[in-house]
Amino acid sequence: EVLYSHLIRDLRATYAMDLLGYRSMAELVEDRLNLSERSARDRVAASLLFESNAEIEAAFGRGEISMMQAHLIKKLASGIATGPFIERAREVTWRQFQREARILELLGKCGLGRKSRRPLPDSDLEEVLFEALGSDSDAIEAELRGRGLPPLPADGSVDPAENCIRMER
């Protein structure tokens, strides 16, 4: 995958697509490398992903993250360091990482994303949310219990991937 990415990057740099008369890079890759249309599109997308971030390329090349995680990391970490997101992707399953990405997107939509632009679990995240919701932790806890969420166990993990109650919260 990484070698294809480098090859496609070189083809793009030499303007091979224009010189050989192809309408798109995916069409060139499909024809010249004997790949299916879908595989060619995927390889071109991967080359663009890796071209913009060497750290993601290195983690993918070592087999530490999947292609889906790589695309999600690029989306989440635009303009900030990707290292913490790569580390988090290594620690949790794809499904858990996807859930956490949705939470971060929701935080961004409600204006809290700029305060916490790091992957979950972020030790400051809960404090930021409490502060944004009025800093009255008793009222917030009462609201959560009213919605059917139990209190956090005292000995529970701070990692939402390991503590389902924290993830629900």
N, C-alpha and C. Protein backbone atom coordinates (compact mmCIF):
# COMPACT_ATOMS: atom_id res chain seq x y z
N GLU A 1 0.83 -1.19 0.00
CA GLU A 1 0.00 0.00 0.00
C GLU A 1 0.88 1.26 0.00
N VAL A 2 1.88 1.26 0.85
CA VAL A 2 2.77 2.43 0.92
C VAL A 2 3.60 2.55 -0.35
N LEU A 3 4.03 1.41 -0.90
CA LEU A 3 4.79 1.46 -2.15
C LEU A 3 3.93 1.99 -3.31
N TYR A 4 2.68 1.55 -3.37
CA TYR A 4 1.77 2.09 -4.36
C TYR A 4 1.63 3.61 -4.18
N SER A 5 1.55 4.02 -2.95
CA SER A 5 1.42 5.44 -2.65
C SER A 5 2.61 6.23 -3.19
N HIS A 6 3.81 5.71 -2.98
CA HIS A 6 5.02 6.38 -3.48
C HIS A 6 5.04 6.39 -5.01
N LEU A 7 4.63 5.28 -5.62
CA LEU A 7 4.59 5.21 -7.07
C LEU A 7 3.60 6.23 -7.65
N ILE A 8 2.42 6.31 -7.06
CA ILE A 8 1.41 7.26 -7.53
C ILE A 8 1.88 8.70 -7.32
N ARG A 9 2.54 8.94 -6.22
CA ARG A 9 3.10 10.27 -5.95
C ARG A 9 4.12 10.65 -7.04
N ASP A 10 4.96 9.68 -7.41
CA ASP A 10 5.95 9.94 -8.46
C ASP A 10 5.28 10.16 -9.81
N LEU A 11 4.23 9.39 -10.09
CA LEU A 11 3.49 9.57 -11.35
C LEU A 11 2.86 10.97 -11.39
N ARG A 12 2.35 11.41 -10.26
CA ARG A 12 1.75 12.74 -10.20
C ARG A 12 2.81 13.82 -10.39
N ALA A 13 3.97 13.64 -9.78
CA ALA A 13 5.05 14.63 -9.87
C ALA A 13 5.61 14.75 -11.28
N THR A 14 5.57 13.68 -12.05
CA THR A 14 6.12 13.70 -13.42
C THR A 14 5.05 14.02 -14.47
N TYR A 15 3.85 14.30 -14.02
CA TYR A 15 2.73 14.63 -14.93
C TYR A 15 2.46 13.49 -15.93
N ALA A 16 2.66 12.26 -15.49
CA ALA A 16 2.46 11.10 -16.36
C ALA A 16 1.02 11.01 -16.85
N MET A 17 0.07 11.41 -16.02
CA MET A 17 -1.33 11.35 -16.39
C MET A 17 -1.59 12.21 -17.63
N ASP A 18 -1.06 13.43 -17.62
CA ASP A 18 -1.25 14.33 -18.76
C ASP A 18 -0.48 13.85 -19.99
N LEU A 19 0.75 13.40 -19.77
CA LEU A 19 1.58 12.96 -20.89
C LEU A 19 1.02 11.74 -21.59
N LEU A 20 0.39 10.85 -20.83
CA LEU A 20 -0.16 9.63 -21.41
C LEU A 20 -1.62 9.77 -21.82
N GLY A 21 -2.22 10.91 -21.56
CA GLY A 21 -3.58 11.19 -22.02
C GLY A 21 -4.70 10.61 -21.19
N TYR A 22 -4.49 10.44 -19.89
CA TYR A 22 -5.56 9.94 -19.02
C TYR A 22 -6.30 11.12 -18.40
N ARG A 23 -7.59 10.91 -18.12
CA ARG A 23 -8.40 11.97 -17.53
C ARG A 23 -8.21 12.10 -16.03
N SER A 24 -7.82 11.03 -15.39
CA SER A 24 -7.63 11.07 -13.94
C SER A 24 -6.50 10.11 -13.56
N MET A 25 -5.98 10.35 -12.37
CA MET A 25 -4.92 9.48 -11.87
C MET A 25 -5.46 8.07 -11.61
N ALA A 26 -6.70 7.98 -11.15
CA ALA A 26 -7.30 6.67 -10.91
C ALA A 26 -7.41 5.87 -12.21
N GLU A 27 -7.74 6.55 -13.29
CA GLU A 27 -7.83 5.87 -14.59
C GLU A 27 -6.46 5.35 -15.03
N LEU A 28 -5.43 6.16 -14.83
CA LEU A 28 -4.06 5.74 -15.17
C LEU A 28 -3.65 4.53 -14.34
N VAL A 29 -3.88 4.59 -13.03
CA VAL A 29 -3.50 3.50 -12.14
C VAL A 29 -4.27 2.23 -12.49
N GLU A 30 -5.55 2.38 -12.77
CA GLU A 30 -6.37 1.22 -13.14
C GLU A 30 -5.83 0.55 -14.41
N ASP A 31 -5.53 1.35 -15.42
CA ASP A 31 -5.09 0.81 -16.70
C ASP A 31 -3.68 0.25 -16.65
N ARG A 32 -2.75 1.03 -16.14
CA ARG A 32 -1.33 0.65 -16.20
C ARG A 32 -0.92 -0.36 -15.14
N LEU A 33 -1.59 -0.38 -14.00
CA LEU A 33 -1.21 -1.31 -12.94
C LEU A 33 -2.17 -2.50 -12.85
N ASN A 34 -3.11 -2.58 -13.79
CA ASN A 34 -4.07 -3.69 -13.86
C ASN A 34 -4.82 -3.89 -12.55
N LEU A 35 -5.38 -2.81 -12.03
CA LEU A 35 -6.19 -2.87 -10.82
C LEU A 35 -7.65 -2.64 -11.18
N SER A 36 -8.54 -3.05 -10.30
CA SER A 36 -9.95 -2.74 -10.52
C SER A 36 -10.17 -1.24 -10.30
N GLU A 37 -11.29 -0.76 -10.77
CA GLU A 37 -11.59 0.67 -10.64
C GLU A 37 -11.61 1.10 -9.18
N ARG A 38 -12.23 0.29 -8.35
CA ARG A 38 -12.32 0.61 -6.93
C ARG A 38 -10.94 0.61 -6.26
N SER A 39 -10.14 -0.41 -6.56
CA SER A 39 -8.79 -0.48 -5.98
C SER A 39 -7.94 0.69 -6.42
N ALA A 40 -8.08 1.09 -7.66
CA ALA A 40 -7.31 2.23 -8.17
C ALA A 40 -7.71 3.51 -7.43
N ARG A 41 -9.01 3.71 -7.25
CA ARG A 41 -9.46 4.91 -6.50
C ARG A 41 -8.95 4.89 -5.07
N ASP A 42 -9.01 3.71 -4.44
CA ASP A 42 -8.53 3.60 -3.06
C ASP A 42 -7.03 3.89 -2.96
N ARG A 43 -6.26 3.39 -3.90
CA ARG A 43 -4.81 3.62 -3.87
C ARG A 43 -4.48 5.09 -4.10
N VAL A 44 -5.20 5.76 -5.00
CA VAL A 44 -4.98 7.19 -5.23
C VAL A 44 -5.35 7.99 -3.99
N ALA A 45 -6.46 7.64 -3.33
CA ALA A 45 -6.86 8.32 -2.10
C ALA A 45 -5.81 8.12 -1.01
N ALA A 46 -5.27 6.91 -0.91
CA ALA A 46 -4.23 6.63 0.09
C ALA A 46 -2.97 7.44 -0.21
N SER A 47 -2.63 7.58 -1.47
CA SER A 47 -1.42 8.34 -1.80
C SER A 47 -1.59 9.80 -1.41
N LEU A 48 -2.79 10.34 -1.60
CA LEU A 48 -3.04 11.73 -1.19
C LEU A 48 -3.00 11.87 0.33
N LEU A 49 -3.53 10.88 1.02
CA LEU A 49 -3.50 10.89 2.49
C LEU A 49 -2.07 10.87 3.00
N PHE A 50 -1.27 9.96 2.47
CA PHE A 50 0.10 9.82 2.94
C PHE A 50 0.98 10.98 2.51
N GLU A 51 0.68 11.56 1.37
CA GLU A 51 1.47 12.69 0.89
C GLU A 51 1.39 13.87 1.85
N SER A 52 0.24 14.04 2.47
CA SER A 52 0.06 15.18 3.35
C SER A 52 0.51 14.92 4.79
N ASN A 53 0.80 13.67 5.14
CA ASN A 53 1.20 13.40 6.52
C ASN A 53 2.11 12.17 6.61
N ALA A 54 3.38 12.43 6.78
CA ALA A 54 4.36 11.34 6.84
C ALA A 54 4.21 10.50 8.11
N GLU A 55 3.74 11.10 9.19
CA GLU A 55 3.58 10.37 10.44
C GLU A 55 2.49 9.30 10.31
N ILE A 56 1.40 9.63 9.63
CA ILE A 56 0.34 8.65 9.39
C ILE A 56 0.86 7.55 8.47
N GLU A 57 1.62 7.93 7.45
CA GLU A 57 2.19 6.94 6.52
C GLU A 57 3.10 5.97 7.27
N ALA A 58 3.94 6.48 8.15
CA ALA A 58 4.85 5.62 8.89
C ALA A 58 4.09 4.65 9.80
N ALA A 59 3.07 5.15 10.50
CA ALA A 59 2.28 4.29 11.39
C ALA A 59 1.54 3.22 10.60
N PHE A 60 0.99 3.59 9.45
CA PHE A 60 0.31 2.61 8.61
C PHE A 60 1.30 1.60 8.05
N GLY A 61 2.45 2.07 7.60
CA GLY A 61 3.47 1.19 7.04
C GLY A 61 3.98 0.18 8.05
N ARG A 62 4.02 0.54 9.32
CA ARG A 62 4.44 -0.39 10.37
C ARG A 62 3.30 -1.30 10.81
N GLY A 63 2.10 -1.09 10.28
CA GLY A 63 0.96 -1.93 10.62
C GLY A 63 0.31 -1.57 11.94
N GLU A 64 0.55 -0.37 12.45
CA GLU A 64 0.01 0.03 13.74
C GLU A 64 -1.42 0.53 13.64
N ILE A 65 -1.80 1.07 12.49
CA ILE A 65 -3.15 1.57 12.29
C ILE A 65 -3.68 1.06 10.95
N SER A 66 -4.99 1.03 10.84
CA SER A 66 -5.62 0.59 9.58
C SER A 66 -5.81 1.81 8.66
N MET A 67 -6.20 1.55 7.44
CA MET A 67 -6.44 2.63 6.49
C MET A 67 -7.62 3.49 6.96
N MET A 68 -8.65 2.86 7.49
CA MET A 68 -9.81 3.62 7.98
C MET A 68 -9.39 4.52 9.13
N GLN A 69 -8.57 4.00 10.03
CA GLN A 69 -8.08 4.83 11.13
C GLN A 69 -7.23 5.98 10.60
N ALA A 70 -6.42 5.71 9.59
CA ALA A 70 -5.58 6.76 9.01
C ALA A 70 -6.42 7.90 8.46
N HIS A 71 -7.48 7.57 7.73
CA HIS A 71 -8.36 8.62 7.19
C HIS A 71 -9.04 9.39 8.33
N LEU A 72 -9.47 8.70 9.36
CA LEU A 72 -10.13 9.36 10.48
C LEU A 72 -9.15 10.24 11.25
N ILE A 73 -7.92 9.79 11.42
CA ILE A 73 -6.90 10.60 12.09
C ILE A 73 -6.64 11.88 11.32
N LYS A 74 -6.55 11.76 10.01
CA LYS A 74 -6.31 12.97 9.20
C LYS A 74 -7.45 13.96 9.38
N LYS A 75 -8.67 13.46 9.42
CA LYS A 75 -9.84 14.32 9.59
C LYS A 75 -9.84 14.98 10.97
N LEU A 76 -9.53 14.21 12.01
CA LEU A 76 -9.56 14.73 13.38
C LEU A 76 -8.42 15.69 13.67
N ALA A 77 -7.25 15.40 13.12
CA ALA A 77 -6.05 16.13 13.50
C ALA A 77 -5.66 17.21 12.49
N SER A 78 -6.61 17.73 11.76
CA SER A 78 -6.25 18.75 10.78
C SER A 78 -5.76 20.00 11.51
N GLY A 79 -4.52 20.36 11.21
CA GLY A 79 -3.94 21.55 11.82
C GLY A 79 -3.30 21.34 13.18
N ILE A 80 -3.34 20.13 13.72
CA ILE A 80 -2.71 19.85 15.01
C ILE A 80 -1.88 18.58 14.89
N ALA A 81 -1.15 18.27 15.93
CA ALA A 81 -0.26 17.10 15.94
C ALA A 81 -1.07 15.81 15.82
N THR A 82 -0.60 14.92 14.97
CA THR A 82 -1.29 13.64 14.76
C THR A 82 -0.81 12.55 15.72
N GLY A 83 0.33 12.75 16.35
CA GLY A 83 0.91 11.73 17.23
C GLY A 83 -0.05 11.20 18.29
N PRO A 84 -0.70 12.08 19.07
CA PRO A 84 -1.62 11.57 20.09
C PRO A 84 -2.79 10.77 19.51
N PHE A 85 -3.28 11.17 18.34
CA PHE A 85 -4.38 10.43 17.71
C PHE A 85 -3.91 9.07 17.22
N ILE A 86 -2.70 9.00 16.70
CA ILE A 86 -2.16 7.71 16.26
C ILE A 86 -1.99 6.80 17.47
N GLU A 87 -1.48 7.34 18.55
CA GLU A 87 -1.30 6.55 19.77
C GLU A 87 -2.64 6.01 20.27
N ARG A 88 -3.67 6.87 20.25
CA ARG A 88 -5.00 6.44 20.71
C ARG A 88 -5.58 5.37 19.78
N ALA A 89 -5.37 5.52 18.48
CA ALA A 89 -5.87 4.53 17.51
C ALA A 89 -5.23 3.17 17.75
N ARG A 90 -3.97 3.16 18.19
CA ARG A 90 -3.28 1.90 18.50
C ARG A 90 -3.89 1.22 19.71
N GLU A 91 -4.37 2.02 20.67
CA GLU A 91 -4.83 1.49 21.95
C GLU A 91 -6.23 0.89 21.92
N VAL A 92 -7.10 1.40 21.03
CA VAL A 92 -8.49 0.98 21.06
C VAL A 92 -8.88 0.33 19.73
N THR A 93 -10.04 -0.28 19.74
CA THR A 93 -10.56 -0.88 18.51
C THR A 93 -11.01 0.21 17.55
N TRP A 94 -11.20 -0.18 16.28
CA TRP A 94 -11.66 0.76 15.27
C TRP A 94 -13.02 1.34 15.68
N ARG A 95 -13.90 0.49 16.17
CA ARG A 95 -15.23 0.95 16.56
C ARG A 95 -15.18 1.97 17.69
N GLN A 96 -14.36 1.71 18.69
CA GLN A 96 -14.21 2.64 19.81
C GLN A 96 -13.60 3.95 19.32
N PHE A 97 -12.61 3.87 18.46
CA PHE A 97 -11.97 5.08 17.93
C PHE A 97 -12.97 5.91 17.13
N GLN A 98 -13.83 5.23 16.39
CA GLN A 98 -14.86 5.92 15.62
C GLN A 98 -15.87 6.61 16.55
N ARG A 99 -16.25 5.95 17.64
CA ARG A 99 -17.16 6.57 18.62
C ARG A 99 -16.53 7.83 19.21
N GLU A 100 -15.28 7.72 19.60
CA GLU A 100 -14.60 8.86 20.19
C GLU A 100 -14.48 10.01 19.19
N ALA A 101 -14.28 9.67 17.93
CA ALA A 101 -14.21 10.71 16.90
C ALA A 101 -15.54 11.44 16.79
N ARG A 102 -16.64 10.69 16.87
CA ARG A 102 -17.96 11.32 16.83
C ARG A 102 -18.16 12.25 18.02
N ILE A 103 -17.70 11.83 19.19
CA ILE A 103 -17.82 12.69 20.37
C ILE A 103 -17.02 13.97 20.16
N LEU A 104 -15.81 13.85 19.64
CA LEU A 104 -14.99 15.05 19.40
C LEU A 104 -15.64 15.96 18.37
N GLU A 105 -16.27 15.38 17.35
CA GLU A 105 -16.97 16.20 16.36
C GLU A 105 -18.15 16.94 16.99
N LEU A 106 -18.89 16.25 17.87
CA LEU A 106 -20.00 16.90 18.56
C LEU A 106 -19.50 18.02 19.47
N LEU A 107 -18.38 17.78 20.14
CA LEU A 107 -17.80 18.83 20.97
C LEU A 107 -17.42 20.04 20.12
N GLY A 108 -16.90 19.77 18.94
CA GLY A 108 -16.54 20.87 18.04
C GLY A 108 -17.75 21.66 17.60
N LYS A 109 -18.86 20.98 17.35
CA LYS A 109 -20.08 21.66 16.90
C LYS A 109 -20.67 22.55 17.98
N CYS A 110 -20.51 22.15 19.25
CA CYS A 110 -21.09 22.96 20.32
C CYS A 110 -20.08 23.93 20.91
N GLY A 111 -18.96 24.12 20.24
CA GLY A 111 -18.00 25.13 20.67
C GLY A 111 -16.98 24.69 21.69
N LEU A 112 -17.02 23.43 22.09
CA LEU A 112 -16.06 22.95 23.08
C LEU A 112 -14.85 22.29 22.45
N GLY A 113 -14.91 22.04 21.16
CA GLY A 113 -13.82 21.35 20.48
C GLY A 113 -12.51 22.10 20.52
N ARG A 114 -12.57 23.42 20.49
CA ARG A 114 -11.33 24.19 20.50
C ARG A 114 -10.65 24.13 21.86
N LYS A 115 -11.42 23.81 22.91
CA LYS A 115 -10.82 23.70 24.24
C LYS A 115 -10.14 22.35 24.43
N SER A 116 -10.61 21.36 23.73
CA SER A 116 -10.04 20.03 23.89
C SER A 116 -9.81 19.43 22.51
N ARG A 117 -8.67 19.72 21.90
CA ARG A 117 -8.36 19.21 20.56
C ARG A 117 -7.38 18.04 20.67
N ARG A 118 -7.68 17.14 21.57
CA ARG A 118 -6.86 15.96 21.77
C ARG A 118 -7.77 14.74 21.77
N PRO A 119 -7.22 13.57 21.54
CA PRO A 119 -8.07 12.37 21.53
C PRO A 119 -8.57 12.05 22.93
N LEU A 120 -9.64 11.27 22.98
CA LEU A 120 -10.14 10.79 24.25
C LEU A 120 -9.28 9.61 24.68
N PRO A 121 -9.12 9.25 25.92
CA PRO A 121 -9.63 10.00 27.05
C PRO A 121 -8.71 11.17 27.36
N ASP A 122 -9.28 12.30 27.46
CA ASP A 122 -8.55 13.51 27.79
C ASP A 122 -8.87 13.81 29.24
N SER A 123 -7.88 13.83 30.09
CA SER A 123 -8.15 14.00 31.51
C SER A 123 -8.82 15.33 31.82
N ASP A 124 -8.62 16.34 30.98
CA ASP A 124 -9.25 17.64 31.21
C ASP A 124 -10.64 17.73 30.60
N LEU A 125 -11.02 16.76 29.80
CA LEU A 125 -12.27 16.86 29.05
C LEU A 125 -13.48 16.97 29.97
N GLU A 126 -13.54 16.12 30.97
CA GLU A 126 -14.70 16.15 31.86
C GLU A 126 -14.78 17.48 32.60
N GLU A 127 -13.64 18.02 33.01
CA GLU A 127 -13.64 19.31 33.70
C GLU A 127 -14.12 20.42 32.77
N VAL A 128 -13.68 20.37 31.51
CA VAL A 128 -14.11 21.38 30.53
C VAL A 128 -15.61 21.31 30.33
N LEU A 129 -16.15 20.09 30.24
CA LEU A 129 -17.59 19.94 30.05
C LEU A 129 -18.36 20.42 31.27
N PHE A 130 -17.90 20.06 32.46
CA PHE A 130 -18.56 20.54 33.68
C PHE A 130 -18.57 22.06 33.72
N GLU A 131 -17.44 22.66 33.38
CA GLU A 131 -17.34 24.11 33.38
C GLU A 131 -18.31 24.72 32.38
N ALA A 132 -18.40 24.13 31.20
CA ALA A 132 -19.29 24.64 30.16
C ALA A 132 -20.76 24.47 30.53
N LEU A 133 -21.06 23.43 31.30
CA LEU A 133 -22.45 23.16 31.69
C LEU A 133 -22.86 23.86 32.98
N GLY A 134 -21.99 24.70 33.50
CA GLY A 134 -22.36 25.49 34.66
C GLY A 134 -21.61 25.18 35.93
N SER A 135 -20.68 24.27 35.88
CA SER A 135 -19.82 23.93 37.01
C SER A 135 -20.55 23.37 38.22
N ASP A 136 -21.84 23.10 38.13
CA ASP A 136 -22.57 22.53 39.26
C ASP A 136 -22.60 21.02 39.09
N SER A 137 -21.58 20.35 39.61
CA SER A 137 -21.45 18.91 39.39
C SER A 137 -22.60 18.13 40.00
N ASP A 138 -23.15 18.59 41.12
CA ASP A 138 -24.28 17.88 41.73
C ASP A 138 -25.51 17.90 40.82
N ALA A 139 -25.77 19.07 40.21
CA ALA A 139 -26.92 19.18 39.31
C ALA A 139 -26.70 18.32 38.06
N ILE A 140 -25.49 18.31 37.57
CA ILE A 140 -25.18 17.50 36.39
C ILE A 140 -25.32 16.01 36.71
N GLU A 141 -24.81 15.60 37.87
CA GLU A 141 -24.94 14.20 38.28
C GLU A 141 -26.42 13.83 38.44
N ALA A 142 -27.22 14.73 39.02
CA ALA A 142 -28.66 14.46 39.19
C ALA A 142 -29.34 14.31 37.83
N GLU A 143 -28.95 15.16 36.87
CA GLU A 143 -29.51 15.07 35.51
C GLU A 143 -29.14 13.75 34.85
N LEU A 144 -27.88 13.33 35.02
CA LEU A 144 -27.45 12.06 34.43
C LEU A 144 -28.21 10.89 35.05
N ARG A 145 -28.41 10.92 36.36
CA ARG A 145 -29.16 9.84 37.01
C ARG A 145 -30.61 9.85 36.57
N GLY A 146 -31.15 11.07 36.36
CA GLY A 146 -32.52 11.19 35.86
C GLY A 146 -32.68 10.60 34.47
N ARG A 147 -31.61 10.58 33.72
CA ARG A 147 -31.63 9.99 32.37
C ARG A 147 -31.30 8.50 32.40
N GLY A 148 -31.12 7.95 33.59
CA GLY A 148 -30.89 6.51 33.71
C GLY A 148 -29.45 6.08 33.71
N LEU A 149 -28.51 7.03 33.80
CA LEU A 149 -27.09 6.67 33.81
C LEU A 149 -26.62 6.54 35.27
N PRO A 150 -26.02 5.42 35.59
CA PRO A 150 -25.55 5.23 36.97
C PRO A 150 -24.31 6.09 37.25
N PRO A 151 -24.02 6.32 38.53
CA PRO A 151 -22.81 7.08 38.86
C PRO A 151 -21.56 6.27 38.51
N LEU A 152 -20.46 6.98 38.33
CA LEU A 152 -19.20 6.30 38.03
C LEU A 152 -18.74 5.49 39.23
N PRO A 153 -18.29 4.27 39.02
CA PRO A 153 -17.74 3.51 40.14
C PRO A 153 -16.42 4.14 40.58
N ALA A 154 -16.17 4.12 41.88
CA ALA A 154 -14.97 4.77 42.43
C ALA A 154 -13.69 4.12 41.90
N ASP A 155 -13.73 2.82 41.63
CA ASP A 155 -12.52 2.12 41.18
C ASP A 155 -12.49 1.92 39.67
N GLY A 156 -13.35 2.62 38.93
CA GLY A 156 -13.43 2.43 37.49
C GLY A 156 -12.28 3.11 36.75
N SER A 157 -12.02 2.62 35.57
CA SER A 157 -10.97 3.18 34.73
C SER A 157 -11.41 4.54 34.20
N VAL A 158 -10.44 5.43 33.95
CA VAL A 158 -10.75 6.73 33.36
C VAL A 158 -10.84 6.63 31.84
N ASP A 159 -10.49 5.48 31.29
CA ASP A 159 -10.53 5.28 29.85
C ASP A 159 -11.92 4.83 29.43
N PRO A 160 -12.62 5.62 28.57
CA PRO A 160 -13.96 5.22 28.15
C PRO A 160 -14.00 3.86 27.45
N ALA A 161 -12.89 3.45 26.83
CA ALA A 161 -12.87 2.16 26.15
C ALA A 161 -12.98 1.00 27.14
N GLU A 162 -12.57 1.23 28.37
CA GLU A 162 -12.60 0.18 29.38
C GLU A 162 -13.74 0.35 30.37
N ASN A 163 -14.39 1.51 30.38
CA ASN A 163 -15.42 1.80 31.35
C ASN A 163 -16.68 2.23 30.60
N CYS A 164 -17.62 1.31 30.44
CA CYS A 164 -18.80 1.58 29.62
C CYS A 164 -19.66 2.69 30.21
N ILE A 165 -19.67 2.84 31.53
CA ILE A 165 -20.44 3.92 32.15
C ILE A 165 -19.87 5.26 31.77
N ARG A 166 -18.55 5.38 31.78
CA ARG A 166 -17.91 6.64 31.38
C ARG A 166 -18.20 6.94 29.91
N MET A 167 -18.22 5.92 29.09
CA MET A 167 -18.50 6.13 27.67
C MET A 167 -19.92 6.64 27.48
N GLU A 168 -20.86 6.08 28.21
CA GLU A 168 -22.25 6.56 28.11
C GLU A 168 -22.36 8.01 28.54
N ARG A 169 -21.64 8.35 29.59
CA ARG A 169 -21.68 9.73 30.09
C ARG A 169 -21.13 10.66 29.04
